Amino acid sequence: MDELKTLESLGFALPSPAYLAGALLFGIIGYAAYRYGKKASLGGFKWIGVALMLYPYAISETWQLYAVGAGLCVGLYAYRK
């Protein structure tokens, strides 16, 4: 437990369970979109899928994670044929 407090004093913090659940959810959706885009030769689906899988590494706030993920999912919906 002392190691956790030491890391927190250095500015490192563990993500909340809501953040982890969102990152997992959007990662799975991104993987499915990537696979579908690759199989159907749809570049838009493939790249939005890659973005869904990778953007949680660049965002640290939970509300931003869900906002960007929802926006990318809306992009998937709008891009469908």
PDB file of N, CA and C in Angstrom:
ATOM      1  N   MET A   1       0.822  -1.192   0.000  1.00  0.00           N
ATOM      2  CA  MET A   1       0.000   0.000   0.000  1.00  0.00           C
ATOM      3  C   MET A   1       0.864   1.253   0.000  1.00  0.00           C
ATOM      4  N   ASP A   2       2.058   1.157   0.573  1.00  0.00           N
ATOM      5  CA  ASP A   2       2.949   2.309   0.584  1.00  0.00           C
ATOM      6  C   ASP A   2       3.417   2.655  -0.821  1.00  0.00           C
ATOM      7  N   GLU A   3       3.584   1.654  -1.662  1.00  0.00           N
ATOM      8  CA  GLU A   3       4.004   1.901  -3.038  1.00  0.00           C
ATOM      9  C   GLU A   3       2.946   2.693  -3.794  1.00  0.00           C
ATOM     10  N   LEU A   4       1.674   2.385  -3.544  1.00  0.00           N
ATOM     11  CA  LEU A   4       0.589   3.104  -4.190  1.00  0.00           C
ATOM     12  C   LEU A   4       0.586   4.568  -3.776  1.00  0.00           C
ATOM     13  N   LYS A   5       0.792   4.833  -2.515  1.00  0.00           N
ATOM     14  CA  LYS A   5       0.837   6.218  -2.036  1.00  0.00           C
ATOM     15  C   LYS A   5       2.047   6.950  -2.604  1.00  0.00           C
ATOM     16  N   THR A   6       3.152   6.249  -2.735  1.00  0.00           N
ATOM     17  CA  THR A   6       4.342   6.857  -3.328  1.00  0.00           C
ATOM     18  C   THR A   6       4.083   7.228  -4.780  1.00  0.00           C
ATOM     19  N   LEU A   7       3.452   6.322  -5.528  1.00  0.00           N
ATOM     20  CA  LEU A   7       3.130   6.613  -6.926  1.00  0.00           C
ATOM     21  C   LEU A   7       2.134   7.763  -7.050  1.00  0.00           C
ATOM     22  N   GLU A   8       1.155   7.821  -6.147  1.00  0.00           N
ATOM     23  CA  GLU A   8       0.190   8.914  -6.175  1.00  0.00           C
ATOM     24  C   GLU A   8       0.860  10.242  -5.866  1.00  0.00           C
ATOM     25  N   SER A   9       1.845  10.247  -4.982  1.00  0.00           N
ATOM     26  CA  SER A   9       2.549  11.489  -4.680  1.00  0.00           C
ATOM     27  C   SER A   9       3.403  11.949  -5.862  1.00  0.00           C
ATOM     28  N   LEU A  10       3.780  11.033  -6.741  1.00  0.00           N
ATOM     29  CA  LEU A  10       4.540  11.386  -7.936  1.00  0.00           C
ATOM     30  C   LEU A  10       3.637  11.799  -9.101  1.00  0.00           C
ATOM     31  N   GLY A  11       2.313  11.703  -8.922  1.00  0.00           N
ATOM     32  CA  GLY A  11       1.385  12.119  -9.962  1.00  0.00           C
ATOM     33  C   GLY A  11       0.764  10.973 -10.737  1.00  0.00           C
ATOM     34  N   PHE A  12       1.072   9.751 -10.381  1.00  0.00           N
ATOM     35  CA  PHE A  12       0.472   8.589 -11.044  1.00  0.00           C
ATOM     36  C   PHE A  12      -0.771   8.166 -10.274  1.00  0.00           C
ATOM     37  N   ALA A  13      -1.820   7.830 -11.018  1.00  0.00           N
ATOM     38  CA  ALA A  13      -3.055   7.379 -10.374  1.00  0.00           C
ATOM     39  C   ALA A  13      -3.649   6.241 -11.198  1.00  0.00           C
ATOM     40  N   LEU A  14      -4.283   5.318 -10.519  1.00  0.00           N
ATOM     41  CA  LEU A  14      -4.954   4.218 -11.207  1.00  0.00           C
ATOM     42  C   LEU A  14      -6.258   4.726 -11.807  1.00  0.00           C
ATOM     43  N   PRO A  15      -6.635   4.247 -12.980  1.00  0.00           N
ATOM     44  CA  PRO A  15      -7.915   4.670 -13.564  1.00  0.00           C
ATOM     45  C   PRO A  15      -9.086   4.069 -12.797  1.00  0.00           C
ATOM     46  N   SER A  16     -10.218   4.753 -12.909  1.00  0.00           N
ATOM     47  CA  SER A  16     -11.415   4.279 -12.219  1.00  0.00           C
ATOM     48  C   SER A  16     -11.984   3.055 -12.945  1.00  0.00           C
ATOM     49  N   PRO A  17     -12.811   2.281 -12.261  1.00  0.00           N
ATOM     50  CA  PRO A  17     -13.447   1.136 -12.925  1.00  0.00           C
ATOM     51  C   PRO A  17     -14.309   1.554 -14.121  1.00  0.00           C
ATOM     52  N   ALA A  18     -14.936   2.730 -14.049  1.00  0.00           N
ATOM     53  CA  ALA A  18     -15.737   3.207 -15.171  1.00  0.00           C
ATOM     54  C   ALA A  18     -14.851   3.482 -16.384  1.00  0.00           C
ATOM     55  N   TYR A  19     -13.659   4.014 -16.153  1.00  0.00           N
ATOM     56  CA  TYR A  19     -12.723   4.272 -17.250  1.00  0.00           C
ATOM     57  C   TYR A  19     -12.270   2.953 -17.878  1.00  0.00           C
ATOM     58  N   LEU A  20     -11.928   1.987 -17.040  1.00  0.00           N
ATOM     59  CA  LEU A  20     -11.483   0.690 -17.555  1.00  0.00           C
ATOM     60  C   LEU A  20     -12.582  -0.004 -18.348  1.00  0.00           C
ATOM     61  N   ALA A  21     -13.817   0.073 -17.857  1.00  0.00           N
ATOM     62  CA  ALA A  21     -14.941  -0.546 -18.568  1.00  0.00           C
ATOM     63  C   ALA A  21     -15.166   0.138 -19.913  1.00  0.00           C
ATOM     64  N   GLY A  22     -15.080   1.456 -19.940  1.00  0.00           N
ATOM     65  CA  GLY A  22     -15.260   2.185 -21.196  1.00  0.00           C
ATOM     66  C   GLY A  22     -14.151   1.884 -22.190  1.00  0.00           C
ATOM     67  N   ALA A  23     -12.914   1.831 -21.710  1.00  0.00           N
ATOM     68  CA  ALA A  23     -11.790   1.522 -22.595  1.00  0.00           C
ATOM     69  C   ALA A  23     -11.942   0.120 -23.182  1.00  0.00           C
ATOM     70  N   LEU A  24     -12.374  -0.817 -22.373  1.00  0.00           N
ATOM     71  CA  LEU A  24     -12.593  -2.180 -22.856  1.00  0.00           C
ATOM     72  C   LEU A  24     -13.746  -2.227 -23.856  1.00  0.00           C
ATOM     73  N   LEU A  25     -14.850  -1.565 -23.542  1.00  0.00           N
ATOM     74  CA  LEU A  25     -16.010  -1.545 -24.427  1.00  0.00           C
ATOM     75  C   LEU A  25     -15.659  -0.943 -25.787  1.00  0.00           C
ATOM     76  N   PHE A  26     -15.052   0.229 -25.791  1.00  0.00           N
ATOM     77  CA  PHE A  26     -14.740   0.880 -27.057  1.00  0.00           C
ATOM     78  C   PHE A  26     -13.617   0.155 -27.790  1.00  0.00           C
ATOM     79  N   GLY A  27     -12.738  -0.508 -27.071  1.00  0.00           N
ATOM     80  CA  GLY A  27     -11.712  -1.310 -27.723  1.00  0.00           C
ATOM     81  C   GLY A  27     -12.305  -2.499 -28.456  1.00  0.00           C
ATOM     82  N   ILE A  28     -13.284  -3.146 -27.856  1.00  0.00           N
ATOM     83  CA  ILE A  28     -13.953  -4.285 -28.501  1.00  0.00           C
ATOM     84  C   ILE A  28     -14.738  -3.814 -29.720  1.00  0.00           C
ATOM     85  N   ILE A  29     -15.444  -2.693 -29.592  1.00  0.00           N
ATOM     86  CA  ILE A  29     -16.178  -2.146 -30.738  1.00  0.00           C
ATOM     87  C   ILE A  29     -15.198  -1.775 -31.850  1.00  0.00           C
ATOM     88  N   GLY A  30     -14.072  -1.187 -31.478  1.00  0.00           N
ATOM     89  CA  GLY A  30     -13.066  -0.808 -32.464  1.00  0.00           C
ATOM     90  C   GLY A  30     -12.473  -2.014 -33.166  1.00  0.00           C
ATOM     91  N   TYR A  31     -12.221  -3.070 -32.420  1.00  0.00           N
ATOM     92  CA  TYR A  31     -11.686  -4.287 -33.024  1.00  0.00           C
ATOM     93  C   TYR A  31     -12.677  -4.884 -34.015  1.00  0.00           C
ATOM     94  N   ALA A  32     -13.964  -4.916 -33.636  1.00  0.00           N
ATOM     95  CA  ALA A  32     -14.990  -5.448 -34.529  1.00  0.00           C
ATOM     96  C   ALA A  32     -15.113  -4.584 -35.788  1.00  0.00           C
ATOM     97  N   ALA A  33     -15.055  -3.273 -35.628  1.00  0.00           N
ATOM     98  CA  ALA A  33     -15.145  -2.381 -36.791  1.00  0.00           C
ATOM     99  C   ALA A  33     -13.926  -2.550 -37.692  1.00  0.00           C
ATOM    100  N   TYR A  34     -12.756  -2.703 -37.093  1.00  0.00           N
ATOM    101  CA  TYR A  34     -11.539  -2.911 -37.882  1.00  0.00           C
ATOM    102  C   TYR A  34     -11.627  -4.204 -38.691  1.00  0.00           C
ATOM    103  N   ARG A  35     -12.049  -5.277 -38.036  1.00  0.00           N
ATOM    104  CA  ARG A  35     -12.162  -6.560 -38.738  1.00  0.00           C
ATOM    105  C   ARG A  35     -13.188  -6.498 -39.868  1.00  0.00           C
ATOM    106  N   TYR A  36     -14.323  -5.854 -39.607  1.00  0.00           N
ATOM    107  CA  TYR A  36     -15.345  -5.728 -40.638  1.00  0.00           C
ATOM    108  C   TYR A  36     -14.841  -4.867 -41.800  1.00  0.00           C
ATOM    109  N   GLY A  37     -14.190  -3.752 -41.482  1.00  0.00           N
ATOM    110  CA  GLY A  37     -13.663  -2.886 -42.527  1.00  0.00           C
ATOM    111  C   GLY A  37     -12.593  -3.554 -43.360  1.00  0.00           C
ATOM    112  N   LYS A  38     -11.776  -4.368 -42.729  1.00  0.00           N
ATOM    113  CA  LYS A  38     -10.738  -5.089 -43.464  1.00  0.00           C
ATOM    114  C   LYS A  38     -11.351  -6.161 -44.360  1.00  0.00           C
ATOM    115  N   LYS A  39     -12.334  -6.872 -43.835  1.00  0.00           N
ATOM    116  CA  LYS A  39     -12.976  -7.946 -44.602  1.00  0.00           C
ATOM    117  C   LYS A  39     -13.775  -7.397 -45.782  1.00  0.00           C
ATOM    118  N   ALA A  40     -14.468  -6.271 -45.570  1.00  0.00           N
ATOM    119  CA  ALA A  40     -15.321  -5.703 -46.611  1.00  0.00           C
ATOM    120  C   ALA A  40     -14.593  -4.651 -47.448  1.00  0.00           C
ATOM    121  N   SER A  41     -13.309  -4.440 -47.206  1.00  0.00           N
ATOM    122  CA  SER A  41     -12.506  -3.436 -47.923  1.00  0.00           C
ATOM    123  C   SER A  41     -13.105  -2.043 -47.809  1.00  0.00           C
ATOM    124  N   LEU A  42     -13.509  -1.686 -46.593  1.00  0.00           N
ATOM    125  CA  LEU A  42     -14.033  -0.348 -46.303  1.00  0.00           C
ATOM    126  C   LEU A  42     -13.018   0.392 -45.435  1.00  0.00           C
ATOM    127  N   GLY A  43     -12.305   1.310 -46.051  1.00  0.00           N
ATOM    128  CA  GLY A  43     -11.245   2.015 -45.342  1.00  0.00           C
ATOM    129  C   GLY A  43     -11.742   2.846 -44.167  1.00  0.00           C
ATOM    130  N   GLY A  44     -12.925   3.450 -44.308  1.00  0.00           N
ATOM    131  CA  GLY A  44     -13.467   4.262 -43.224  1.00  0.00           C
ATOM    132  C   GLY A  44     -13.723   3.454 -41.966  1.00  0.00           C
ATOM    133  N   PHE A  45     -14.345   2.305 -42.125  1.00  0.00           N
ATOM    134  CA  PHE A  45     -14.599   1.438 -40.979  1.00  0.00           C
ATOM    135  C   PHE A  45     -13.294   1.000 -40.328  1.00  0.00           C
ATOM    136  N   LYS A  46     -12.331   0.658 -41.168  1.00  0.00           N
ATOM    137  CA  LYS A  46     -11.052   0.174 -40.650  1.00  0.00           C
ATOM    138  C   LYS A  46     -10.353   1.252 -39.830  1.00  0.00           C
ATOM    139  N   TRP A  47     -10.301   2.479 -40.322  1.00  0.00           N
ATOM    140  CA  TRP A  47      -9.577   3.531 -39.614  1.00  0.00           C
ATOM    141  C   TRP A  47     -10.324   4.046 -38.393  1.00  0.00           C
ATOM    142  N   ILE A  48     -11.640   4.080 -38.443  1.00  0.00           N
ATOM    143  CA  ILE A  48     -12.399   4.443 -37.245  1.00  0.00           C
ATOM    144  C   ILE A  48     -12.221   3.361 -36.182  1.00  0.00           C
ATOM    145  N   GLY A  49     -12.149   2.110 -36.611  1.00  0.00           N
ATOM    146  CA  GLY A  49     -11.881   1.017 -35.675  1.00  0.00           C
ATOM    147  C   GLY A  49     -10.524   1.147 -35.014  1.00  0.00           C
ATOM    148  N   VAL A  50      -9.519   1.515 -35.788  1.00  0.00           N
ATOM    149  CA  VAL A  50      -8.180   1.734 -35.223  1.00  0.00           C
ATOM    150  C   VAL A  50      -8.215   2.885 -34.222  1.00  0.00           C
ATOM    151  N   ALA A  51      -8.937   3.957 -34.567  1.00  0.00           N
ATOM    152  CA  ALA A  51      -9.042   5.091 -33.653  1.00  0.00           C
ATOM    153  C   ALA A  51      -9.741   4.684 -32.355  1.00  0.00           C
ATOM    154  N   LEU A  52     -10.794   3.882 -32.465  1.00  0.00           N
ATOM    155  CA  LEU A  52     -11.498   3.423 -31.260  1.00  0.00           C
ATOM    156  C   LEU A  52     -10.610   2.557 -30.374  1.00  0.00           C
ATOM    157  N   MET A  53      -9.727   1.788 -30.985  1.00  0.00           N
ATOM    158  CA  MET A  53      -8.847   0.938 -30.185  1.00  0.00           C
ATOM    159  C   MET A  53      -7.731   1.729 -29.513  1.00  0.00           C
ATOM    160  N   LEU A  54      -7.265   2.809 -30.138  1.00  0.00           N
ATOM    161  CA  LEU A  54      -6.070   3.488 -29.646  1.00  0.00           C
ATOM    162  C   LEU A  54      -6.311   4.760 -28.843  1.00  0.00           C
ATOM    163  N   TYR A  55      -7.444   5.431 -29.020  1.00  0.00           N
ATOM    164  CA  TYR A  55      -7.613   6.721 -28.362  1.00  0.00           C
ATOM    165  C   TYR A  55      -7.635   6.663 -26.826  1.00  0.00           C
ATOM    166  N   PRO A  56      -8.031   5.563 -26.175  1.00  0.00           N
ATOM    167  CA  PRO A  56      -7.985   5.571 -24.707  1.00  0.00           C
ATOM    168  C   PRO A  56      -6.579   5.792 -24.132  1.00  0.00           C
ATOM    169  N   TYR A  57      -5.542   5.515 -24.915  1.00  0.00           N
ATOM    170  CA  TYR A  57      -4.181   5.739 -24.442  1.00  0.00           C
ATOM    171  C   TYR A  57      -3.838   7.216 -24.380  1.00  0.00           C
ATOM    172  N   ALA A  58      -4.586   8.061 -25.085  1.00  0.00           N
ATOM    173  CA  ALA A  58      -4.285   9.486 -25.141  1.00  0.00           C
ATOM    174  C   ALA A  58      -5.198  10.329 -24.252  1.00  0.00           C
ATOM    175  N   ILE A  59      -6.235   9.736 -23.689  1.00  0.00           N
ATOM    176  CA  ILE A  59      -7.220  10.473 -22.898  1.00  0.00           C
ATOM    177  C   ILE A  59      -7.192   9.960 -21.466  1.00  0.00           C
ATOM    178  N   SER A  60      -7.192  10.905 -20.514  1.00  0.00           N
ATOM    179  CA  SER A  60      -7.098  10.476 -19.115  1.00  0.00           C
ATOM    180  C   SER A  60      -8.385  10.685 -18.319  1.00  0.00           C
ATOM    181  N   GLU A  61      -9.285  11.497 -18.787  1.00  0.00           N
ATOM    182  CA  GLU A  61     -10.530  11.760 -18.067  1.00  0.00           C
ATOM    183  C   GLU A  61     -11.630  10.810 -18.541  1.00  0.00           C
ATOM    184  N   THR A  62     -12.415  10.324 -17.607  1.00  0.00           N
ATOM    185  CA  THR A  62     -13.462   9.359 -17.929  1.00  0.00           C
ATOM    186  C   THR A  62     -14.535   9.971 -18.826  1.00  0.00           C
ATOM    187  N   TRP A  63     -14.952  11.190 -18.529  1.00  0.00           N
ATOM    188  CA  TRP A  63     -15.999  11.806 -19.341  1.00  0.00           C
ATOM    189  C   TRP A  63     -15.523  12.039 -20.767  1.00  0.00           C
ATOM    190  N   GLN A  64     -14.240  12.356 -20.949  1.00  0.00           N
ATOM    191  CA  GLN A  64     -13.706  12.546 -22.293  1.00  0.00           C
ATOM    192  C   GLN A  64     -13.652  11.211 -23.041  1.00  0.00           C
ATOM    193  N   LEU A  65     -13.312  10.146 -22.323  1.00  0.00           N
ATOM    194  CA  LEU A  65     -13.280   8.814 -22.925  1.00  0.00           C
ATOM    195  C   LEU A  65     -14.638   8.457 -23.511  1.00  0.00           C
ATOM    196  N   TYR A  66     -15.698   8.669 -22.740  1.00  0.00           N
ATOM    197  CA  TYR A  66     -17.034   8.328 -23.208  1.00  0.00           C
ATOM    198  C   TYR A  66     -17.507   9.287 -24.298  1.00  0.00           C
ATOM    199  N   ALA A  67     -17.153  10.564 -24.221  1.00  0.00           N
ATOM    200  CA  ALA A  67     -17.568  11.530 -25.237  1.00  0.00           C
ATOM    201  C   ALA A  67     -16.926  11.222 -26.590  1.00  0.00           C
ATOM    202  N   VAL A  68     -15.618  10.991 -26.595  1.00  0.00           N
ATOM    203  CA  VAL A  68     -14.926  10.691 -27.844  1.00  0.00           C
ATOM    204  C   VAL A  68     -15.367   9.329 -28.387  1.00  0.00           C
ATOM    205  N   GLY A  69     -15.516   8.345 -27.508  1.00  0.00           N
ATOM    206  CA  GLY A  69     -15.963   7.024 -27.939  1.00  0.00           C
ATOM    207  C   GLY A  69     -17.350   7.065 -28.545  1.00  0.00           C
ATOM    208  N   ALA A  70     -18.248   7.819 -27.936  1.00  0.00           N
ATOM    209  CA  ALA A  70     -19.598   7.951 -28.494  1.00  0.00           C
ATOM    210  C   ALA A  70     -19.548   8.659 -29.845  1.00  0.00           C
ATOM    211  N   GLY A  71     -18.710   9.678 -29.954  1.00  0.00           N
ATOM    212  CA  GLY A  71     -18.570  10.379 -31.228  1.00  0.00           C
ATOM    213  C   GLY A  71     -18.045   9.475 -32.328  1.00  0.00           C
ATOM    214  N   LEU A  72     -17.050   8.663 -32.013  1.00  0.00           N
ATOM    215  CA  LEU A  72     -16.521   7.732 -33.012  1.00  0.00           C
ATOM    216  C   LEU A  72     -17.545   6.662 -33.380  1.00  0.00           C
ATOM    217  N   CYS A  73     -18.332   6.218 -32.416  1.00  0.00           N
ATOM    218  CA  CYS A  73     -19.383   5.238 -32.716  1.00  0.00           C
ATOM    219  C   CYS A  73     -20.469   5.857 -33.593  1.00  0.00           C
ATOM    220  N   VAL A  74     -20.780   7.126 -33.367  1.00  0.00           N
ATOM    221  CA  VAL A  74     -21.728   7.830 -34.245  1.00  0.00           C
ATOM    222  C   VAL A  74     -21.133   7.914 -35.649  1.00  0.00           C
ATOM    223  N   GLY A  75     -19.815   8.136 -35.738  1.00  0.00           N
ATOM    224  CA  GLY A  75     -19.150   8.141 -37.037  1.00  0.00           C
ATOM    225  C   GLY A  75     -19.274   6.794 -37.738  1.00  0.00           C
ATOM    226  N   LEU A  76     -19.133   5.719 -36.990  1.00  0.00           N
ATOM    227  CA  LEU A  76     -19.339   4.393 -37.584  1.00  0.00           C
ATOM    228  C   LEU A  76     -20.747   4.237 -38.102  1.00  0.00           C
ATOM    229  N   TYR A  77     -21.703   4.681 -37.314  1.00  0.00           N
ATOM    230  CA  TYR A  77     -23.106   4.560 -37.714  1.00  0.00           C
ATOM    231  C   TYR A  77     -23.386   5.391 -38.965  1.00  0.00           C
ATOM    232  N   ALA A  78     -22.828   6.586 -39.004  1.00  0.00           N
ATOM    233  CA  ALA A  78     -23.060   7.469 -40.152  1.00  0.00           C
ATOM    234  C   ALA A  78     -22.364   6.952 -41.401  1.00  0.00           C
ATOM    235  N   TYR A  79     -21.253   6.251 -41.239  1.00  0.00           N
ATOM    236  CA  TYR A  79     -20.476   5.774 -42.377  1.00  0.00           C
ATOM    237  C   TYR A  79     -21.058   4.513 -43.008  1.00  0.00           C
ATOM    238  N   ARG A  80     -21.930   3.816 -42.281  1.00  0.00           N
ATOM    239  CA  ARG A  80     -22.450   2.548 -42.789  1.00  0.00           C
ATOM    240  C   ARG A  80     -23.186   2.771 -44.105  1.00  0.00           C
ATOM    241  N   LYS A  81     -23.286   1.728 -44.901  1.00  0.00           N
ATOM    242  CA  LYS A  81     -23.923   1.861 -46.220  1.00  0.00           C
ATOM    243  C   LYS A  81     -25.300   1.269 -46.217  1.00  0.00           C
TER     244      LYS A  81
END
